[in-house]
Amino acid sequence: MFNELFAQLSSNRDRALVAFYVSSGARASELLEVTGEAIDPGQNRVLVHRKGDRREQWIPASQDAFVWLSLYLGSRSLRSGEPVWLTLREPLRPLNYHALRKVFQRAQEVLGTRYTLHQLRHTAAYRMVRDPNLSLTDVAWVLGHASVTTTQIYTVPLEDDLLARMAAHFARPPAPAAHRPANYDADALDVLFGGRHV
């Protein structure tokens, strides 16, 4: 579904934003507040102010997100304190949550879906949790969760993934039955294991 949604976006700004949301797991408001000095393409990271305590945190994002950002910015150079995300029409203003939500809703009307911007964060979290190279504490840190317990909600298997793993399980031949080593006395094994050993 993500690819279909991405294809419906009509500007590089919107593609960049969605790529950042899905790769960084940032909250919508955190990313919309980013200013020029908070972008570090050399390290593929962006500085956000976390919801709640407003602490600053550099979070990683995909190289694709930075490619889309570069396409969006074109020749525009970002100055310190200048908002990264602007409206597309004059007079240029900082993009706000409600305007971005409208963009997102228009794309979804074409697709017949009803996802929210926050679900992009969930998508990022699910993808990170399923990466065997990332620990749960890594994911909690990137998402800005104060407790790993909050992050654990993303460890619940997705139905399609679980069904695929179960189908693979049933397709494998059963493991050979364990056999009793020939050099042990059957009566001794019965005593040792508390019952009839076969």
C-alpha atoms as a PDB file:
ATOM      1  CA  MET A   1       0.000   0.000   0.000  1.00  0.00           C
ATOM      2  CA  PHE A   2       2.899   2.364   0.738  1.00  0.00           C
ATOM      3  CA  ASN A   3       4.065   2.329  -2.899  1.00  0.00           C
ATOM      4  CA  GLU A   4       0.567   3.165  -4.145  1.00  0.00           C
ATOM      5  CA  LEU A   5       0.284   6.030  -1.665  1.00  0.00           C
ATOM      6  CA  PHE A   6       3.725   7.323  -2.605  1.00  0.00           C
ATOM      7  CA  ALA A   7       2.778   7.253  -6.300  1.00  0.00           C
ATOM      8  CA  GLN A   8      -0.265   9.454  -5.579  1.00  0.00           C
ATOM      9  CA  LEU A   9       1.826  12.250  -4.062  1.00  0.00           C
ATOM     10  CA  SER A  10       2.135  15.137  -6.492  1.00  0.00           C
ATOM     11  CA  SER A  11       5.212  16.986  -5.225  1.00  0.00           C
ATOM     12  CA  ASN A  12       8.763  16.204  -4.181  1.00  0.00           C
ATOM     13  CA  ARG A  13       8.043  17.971  -0.896  1.00  0.00           C
ATOM     14  CA  ASP A  14       5.299  15.479  -0.077  1.00  0.00           C
ATOM     15  CA  ARG A  15       7.414  12.530  -1.233  1.00  0.00           C
ATOM     16  CA  ALA A  16      10.293  13.747   0.944  1.00  0.00           C
ATOM     17  CA  LEU A  17       8.032  14.129   3.975  1.00  0.00           C
ATOM     18  CA  VAL A  18       6.518  10.669   3.601  1.00  0.00           C
ATOM     19  CA  ALA A  19       9.974   9.143   3.044  1.00  0.00           C
ATOM     20  CA  PHE A  20      11.190  10.843   6.239  1.00  0.00           C
ATOM     21  CA  TYR A  21       8.153   9.709   8.235  1.00  0.00           C
ATOM     22  CA  VAL A  22       8.385   6.101   7.096  1.00  0.00           C
ATOM     23  CA  SER A  23      12.142   5.827   7.601  1.00  0.00           C
ATOM     24  CA  SER A  24      12.714   7.918  10.737  1.00  0.00           C
ATOM     25  CA  GLY A  25       9.555   7.197  12.694  1.00  0.00           C
ATOM     26  CA  ALA A  26       9.339  10.876  13.658  1.00  0.00           C
ATOM     27  CA  ARG A  27       5.994  12.215  14.772  1.00  0.00           C
ATOM     28  CA  ALA A  28       4.258  14.489  12.262  1.00  0.00           C
ATOM     29  CA  SER A  29       4.729  17.598  14.399  1.00  0.00           C
ATOM     30  CA  GLU A  30       8.387  16.804  15.120  1.00  0.00           C
ATOM     31  CA  LEU A  31       9.301  16.693  11.450  1.00  0.00           C
ATOM     32  CA  LEU A  32       7.222  19.699  10.439  1.00  0.00           C
ATOM     33  CA  GLU A  33       9.131  21.856  12.953  1.00  0.00           C
ATOM     34  CA  VAL A  34      12.567  21.039  11.474  1.00  0.00           C
ATOM     35  CA  THR A  35      14.649  24.050  10.434  1.00  0.00           C
ATOM     36  CA  GLY A  36      17.698  24.451   8.196  1.00  0.00           C
ATOM     37  CA  GLU A  37      20.390  23.696  10.762  1.00  0.00           C
ATOM     38  CA  ALA A  38      18.608  20.482  11.770  1.00  0.00           C
ATOM     39  CA  ILE A  39      19.290  18.691   8.483  1.00  0.00           C
ATOM     40  CA  ASP A  40      22.500  16.645   8.211  1.00  0.00           C
ATOM     41  CA  PRO A  41      22.521  14.823   4.855  1.00  0.00           C
ATOM     42  CA  GLY A  42      26.157  13.759   5.319  1.00  0.00           C
ATOM     43  CA  GLN A  43      25.131  11.628   8.297  1.00  0.00           C
ATOM     44  CA  ASN A  44      21.584  10.874   7.057  1.00  0.00           C
ATOM     45  CA  ARG A  45      20.060  12.375  10.168  1.00  0.00           C
ATOM     46  CA  VAL A  46      17.682  15.108  11.239  1.00  0.00           C
ATOM     47  CA  LEU A  47      17.403  16.976  14.544  1.00  0.00           C
ATOM     48  CA  VAL A  48      13.925  16.907  16.066  1.00  0.00           C
ATOM     49  CA  HIS A  49      12.419  18.300  19.257  1.00  0.00           C
ATOM     50  CA  ARG A  50      10.698  15.420  20.980  1.00  0.00           C
ATOM     51  CA  LYS A  51       7.048  15.642  21.903  1.00  0.00           C
ATOM     52  CA  GLY A  52       6.485  16.297  25.576  1.00  0.00           C
ATOM     53  CA  ASP A  53       9.856  17.253  27.017  1.00  0.00           C
ATOM     54  CA  ARG A  54      10.986  19.062  23.819  1.00  0.00           C
ATOM     55  CA  ARG A  55      14.482  17.585  24.135  1.00  0.00           C
ATOM     56  CA  GLU A  56      16.586  17.665  20.985  1.00  0.00           C
ATOM     57  CA  GLN A  57      17.482  14.354  19.376  1.00  0.00           C
ATOM     58  CA  TRP A  58      19.262  13.509  16.152  1.00  0.00           C
ATOM     59  CA  ILE A  59      17.424  10.657  14.464  1.00  0.00           C
ATOM     60  CA  PRO A  60      18.466   8.701  11.379  1.00  0.00           C
ATOM     61  CA  ALA A  61      16.483   8.686   8.153  1.00  0.00           C
ATOM     62  CA  SER A  62      16.910   6.823   4.887  1.00  0.00           C
ATOM     63  CA  GLN A  63      19.125   7.986   2.083  1.00  0.00           C
ATOM     64  CA  ASP A  64      16.000   8.009  -0.117  1.00  0.00           C
ATOM     65  CA  ALA A  65      14.440  10.598   2.188  1.00  0.00           C
ATOM     66  CA  PHE A  66      17.451  12.860   1.690  1.00  0.00           C
ATOM     67  CA  VAL A  67      17.344  12.353  -2.087  1.00  0.00           C
ATOM     68  CA  TRP A  68      13.680  13.448  -2.123  1.00  0.00           C
ATOM     69  CA  LEU A  69      14.558  16.365   0.164  1.00  0.00           C
ATOM     70  CA  SER A  70      17.277  17.459  -2.259  1.00  0.00           C
ATOM     71  CA  LEU A  71      14.831  17.270  -5.166  1.00  0.00           C
ATOM     72  CA  TYR A  72      12.303  19.303  -3.171  1.00  0.00           C
ATOM     73  CA  LEU A  73      14.804  21.978  -2.185  1.00  0.00           C
ATOM     74  CA  GLY A  74      16.335  22.240  -5.658  1.00  0.00           C
ATOM     75  CA  SER A  75      18.594  25.296  -5.584  1.00  0.00           C
ATOM     76  CA  ARG A  76      17.076  26.646  -2.367  1.00  0.00           C
ATOM     77  CA  SER A  77      19.683  26.748   0.396  1.00  0.00           C
ATOM     78  CA  LEU A  78      18.495  26.378   3.950  1.00  0.00           C
ATOM     79  CA  ARG A  79      19.477  28.965   6.522  1.00  0.00           C
ATOM     80  CA  SER A  80      19.621  28.395  10.247  1.00  0.00           C
ATOM     81  CA  GLY A  81      16.186  28.852  11.774  1.00  0.00           C
ATOM     82  CA  GLU A  82      14.424  28.711   8.394  1.00  0.00           C
ATOM     83  CA  PRO A  83      11.619  26.127   8.196  1.00  0.00           C
ATOM     84  CA  VAL A  84      12.418  23.269   5.820  1.00  0.00           C
ATOM     85  CA  TRP A  85       8.825  22.471   4.910  1.00  0.00           C
ATOM     86  CA  LEU A  86       6.933  25.280   3.173  1.00  0.00           C
ATOM     87  CA  THR A  87       3.644  25.598   1.343  1.00  0.00           C
ATOM     88  CA  LEU A  88       3.960  25.150  -2.414  1.00  0.00           C
ATOM     89  CA  ARG A  89       2.042  28.309  -3.349  1.00  0.00           C
ATOM     90  CA  GLU A  90       2.926  31.951  -2.764  1.00  0.00           C
ATOM     91  CA  PRO A  91       3.121  33.478  -0.292  1.00  0.00           C
ATOM     92  CA  LEU A  92       5.370  30.715   1.048  1.00  0.00           C
ATOM     93  CA  ARG A  93       4.578  29.853   4.648  1.00  0.00           C
ATOM     94  CA  PRO A  94       5.687  27.077   6.986  1.00  0.00           C
ATOM     95  CA  LEU A  95       3.711  23.920   6.260  1.00  0.00           C
ATOM     96  CA  ASN A  96       1.449  23.032   9.181  1.00  0.00           C
ATOM     97  CA  TYR A  97      -0.104  19.766  10.270  1.00  0.00           C
ATOM     98  CA  HIS A  98      -3.590  20.524   8.922  1.00  0.00           C
ATOM     99  CA  ALA A  99      -2.286  21.404   5.448  1.00  0.00           C
ATOM    100  CA  LEU A 100      -0.165  18.246   5.320  1.00  0.00           C
ATOM    101  CA  ARG A 101      -3.113  16.180   6.503  1.00  0.00           C
ATOM    102  CA  LYS A 102      -5.175  17.570   3.602  1.00  0.00           C
ATOM    103  CA  VAL A 103      -2.444  16.550   1.131  1.00  0.00           C
ATOM    104  CA  PHE A 104      -2.410  13.080   2.650  1.00  0.00           C
ATOM    105  CA  GLN A 105      -6.211  12.822   2.544  1.00  0.00           C
ATOM    106  CA  ARG A 106      -6.362  13.827  -1.139  1.00  0.00           C
ATOM    107  CA  ALA A 107      -3.940  11.054  -2.057  1.00  0.00           C
ATOM    108  CA  GLN A 108      -5.983   8.565  -0.076  1.00  0.00           C
ATOM    109  CA  GLU A 109      -9.284   9.569  -1.653  1.00  0.00           C
ATOM    110  CA  VAL A 110      -7.910   8.314  -4.956  1.00  0.00           C
ATOM    111  CA  LEU A 111      -6.824   5.038  -3.322  1.00  0.00           C
ATOM    112  CA  GLY A 112      -9.945   4.589  -1.207  1.00  0.00           C
ATOM    113  CA  THR A 113      -7.925   4.288   2.016  1.00  0.00           C
ATOM    114  CA  ARG A 114      -8.208   6.037   5.371  1.00  0.00           C
ATOM    115  CA  TYR A 115      -4.749   6.034   6.922  1.00  0.00           C
ATOM    116  CA  THR A 116      -3.469   8.775   9.194  1.00  0.00           C
ATOM    117  CA  LEU A 117      -0.119  10.533   9.233  1.00  0.00           C
ATOM    118  CA  HIS A 118       0.576   8.845  12.557  1.00  0.00           C
ATOM    119  CA  GLN A 119       0.278   5.462  10.865  1.00  0.00           C
ATOM    120  CA  LEU A 120       3.415   6.321   8.891  1.00  0.00           C
ATOM    121  CA  ARG A 121       5.204   6.358  12.256  1.00  0.00           C
ATOM    122  CA  HIS A 122       3.703   2.946  13.051  1.00  0.00           C
ATOM    123  CA  THR A 123       4.910   1.660   9.673  1.00  0.00           C
ATOM    124  CA  ALA A 124       8.435   2.840  10.480  1.00  0.00           C
ATOM    125  CA  ALA A 125       8.274   1.196  13.906  1.00  0.00           C
ATOM    126  CA  TYR A 126       7.045  -2.138  12.521  1.00  0.00           C
ATOM    127  CA  ARG A 127       9.784  -2.117   9.875  1.00  0.00           C
ATOM    128  CA  MET A 128      12.492  -1.338  12.437  1.00  0.00           C
ATOM    129  CA  VAL A 129      11.314  -3.993  14.903  1.00  0.00           C
ATOM    130  CA  ARG A 130      11.450  -6.617  12.148  1.00  0.00           C
ATOM    131  CA  ASP A 131      15.049  -5.760  11.237  1.00  0.00           C
ATOM    132  CA  PRO A 132      17.241  -8.429  12.881  1.00  0.00           C
ATOM    133  CA  ASN A 133      20.128  -5.943  13.083  1.00  0.00           C
ATOM    134  CA  LEU A 134      18.209  -3.546  15.356  1.00  0.00           C
ATOM    135  CA  SER A 135      17.524  -4.263  19.017  1.00  0.00           C
ATOM    136  CA  LEU A 136      14.293  -3.246  20.685  1.00  0.00           C
ATOM    137  CA  THR A 137      16.219  -0.614  22.652  1.00  0.00           C
ATOM    138  CA  ASP A 138      17.601   0.771  19.363  1.00  0.00           C
ATOM    139  CA  VAL A 139      14.069   1.147  18.026  1.00  0.00           C
ATOM    140  CA  ALA A 140      12.813   2.680  21.287  1.00  0.00           C
ATOM    141  CA  TRP A 141      15.599   5.264  21.133  1.00  0.00           C
ATOM    142  CA  VAL A 142      14.888   6.197  17.498  1.00  0.00           C
ATOM    143  CA  LEU A 143      11.163   6.530  18.218  1.00  0.00           C
ATOM    144  CA  GLY A 144      11.813   8.605  21.333  1.00  0.00           C
ATOM    145  CA  HIS A 145      10.032   6.183  23.646  1.00  0.00           C
ATOM    146  CA  ALA A 146      10.889   6.642  27.317  1.00  0.00           C
ATOM    147  CA  SER A 147      10.335   2.924  27.924  1.00  0.00           C
ATOM    148  CA  VAL A 148      10.984  -0.180  25.827  1.00  0.00           C
ATOM    149  CA  THR A 149       7.577  -1.384  27.023  1.00  0.00           C
ATOM    150  CA  THR A 150       5.961   1.202  24.747  1.00  0.00           C
ATOM    151  CA  THR A 151       7.978  -0.109  21.802  1.00  0.00           C
ATOM    152  CA  GLN A 152       6.953  -3.716  22.478  1.00  0.00           C
ATOM    153  CA  ILE A 153       3.507  -3.126  20.962  1.00  0.00           C
ATOM    154  CA  TYR A 154       5.253  -3.323  17.586  1.00  0.00           C
ATOM    155  CA  THR A 155       6.554  -6.836  18.287  1.00  0.00           C
ATOM    156  CA  VAL A 156       3.089  -8.356  17.869  1.00  0.00           C
ATOM    157  CA  PRO A 157       3.258 -10.338  14.638  1.00  0.00           C
ATOM    158  CA  LEU A 158       1.346  -9.045  11.658  1.00  0.00           C
ATOM    159  CA  GLU A 159      -1.272 -11.554  10.536  1.00  0.00           C
ATOM    160  CA  ASP A 160       0.137 -11.935   7.005  1.00  0.00           C
ATOM    161  CA  ASP A 161       3.667 -12.490   8.358  1.00  0.00           C
ATOM    162  CA  LEU A 162       2.466 -15.046  10.886  1.00  0.00           C
ATOM    163  CA  LEU A 163       0.407 -16.937   8.288  1.00  0.00           C
ATOM    164  CA  ALA A 164       3.401 -17.042   5.922  1.00  0.00           C
ATOM    165  CA  ARG A 165       5.686 -18.383   8.673  1.00  0.00           C
ATOM    166  CA  MET A 166       3.102 -21.004   9.658  1.00  0.00           C
ATOM    167  CA  ALA A 167       2.703 -22.099   6.018  1.00  0.00           C
ATOM    168  CA  ALA A 168       6.492 -22.491   5.806  1.00  0.00           C
ATOM    169  CA  HIS A 169       6.440 -24.458   9.073  1.00  0.00           C
ATOM    170  CA  PHE A 170       3.825 -26.870   7.759  1.00  0.00           C
ATOM    171  CA  ALA A 171       5.697 -27.279   4.461  1.00  0.00           C
ATOM    172  CA  ARG A 172       8.898 -28.450   6.174  1.00  0.00           C
ATOM    173  CA  PRO A 173       9.252 -32.192   6.687  1.00  0.00           C
ATOM    174  CA  PRO A 174       8.904 -33.231  10.321  1.00  0.00           C
ATOM    175  CA  ALA A 175      12.113 -33.645  12.264  1.00  0.00           C
ATOM    176  CA  PRO A 176      13.210 -37.261  12.587  1.00  0.00           C
ATOM    177  CA  ALA A 177      12.072 -38.908  15.797  1.00  0.00           C
ATOM    178  CA  ALA A 178      14.699 -39.025  18.496  1.00  0.00           C
ATOM    179  CA  HIS A 179      15.902 -42.521  19.137  1.00  0.00           C
ATOM    180  CA  ARG A 180      17.267 -44.093  22.277  1.00  0.00           C
ATOM    181  CA  PRO A 181      21.006 -44.663  22.174  1.00  0.00           C
ATOM    182  CA  ALA A 182      21.597 -48.388  21.905  1.00  0.00           C
ATOM    183  CA  ASN A 183      24.182 -48.557  24.673  1.00  0.00           C
ATOM    184  CA  TYR A 184      21.806 -47.500  27.515  1.00  0.00           C
ATOM    185  CA  ASP A 185      19.797 -49.963  29.545  1.00  0.00           C
ATOM    186  CA  ALA A 186      16.035 -49.431  28.998  1.00  0.00           C
ATOM    187  CA  ASP A 187      15.243 -50.058  32.698  1.00  0.00           C
ATOM    188  CA  ALA A 188      17.856 -47.496  33.788  1.00  0.00           C
ATOM    189  CA  LEU A 189      16.342 -44.927  31.424  1.00  0.00           C
ATOM    190  CA  ASP A 190      12.873 -45.624  32.839  1.00  0.00           C
ATOM    191  CA  VAL A 191      14.141 -44.971  36.350  1.00  0.00           C
ATOM    192  CA  LEU A 192      16.064 -41.894  35.295  1.00  0.00           C
ATOM    193  CA  PHE A 193      13.180 -40.299  33.378  1.00  0.00           C
ATOM    194  CA  GLY A 194      10.384 -41.519  35.636  1.00  0.00           C
ATOM    195  CA  GLY A 195       8.391 -43.593  33.221  1.00  0.00           C
ATOM    196  CA  ARG A 196       8.383 -45.783  30.213  1.00  0.00           C
ATOM    197  CA  HIS A 197      11.002 -44.609  27.702  1.00  0.00           C
ATOM    198  CA  VAL A 198      10.351 -45.519  24.092  1.00  0.00           C
END
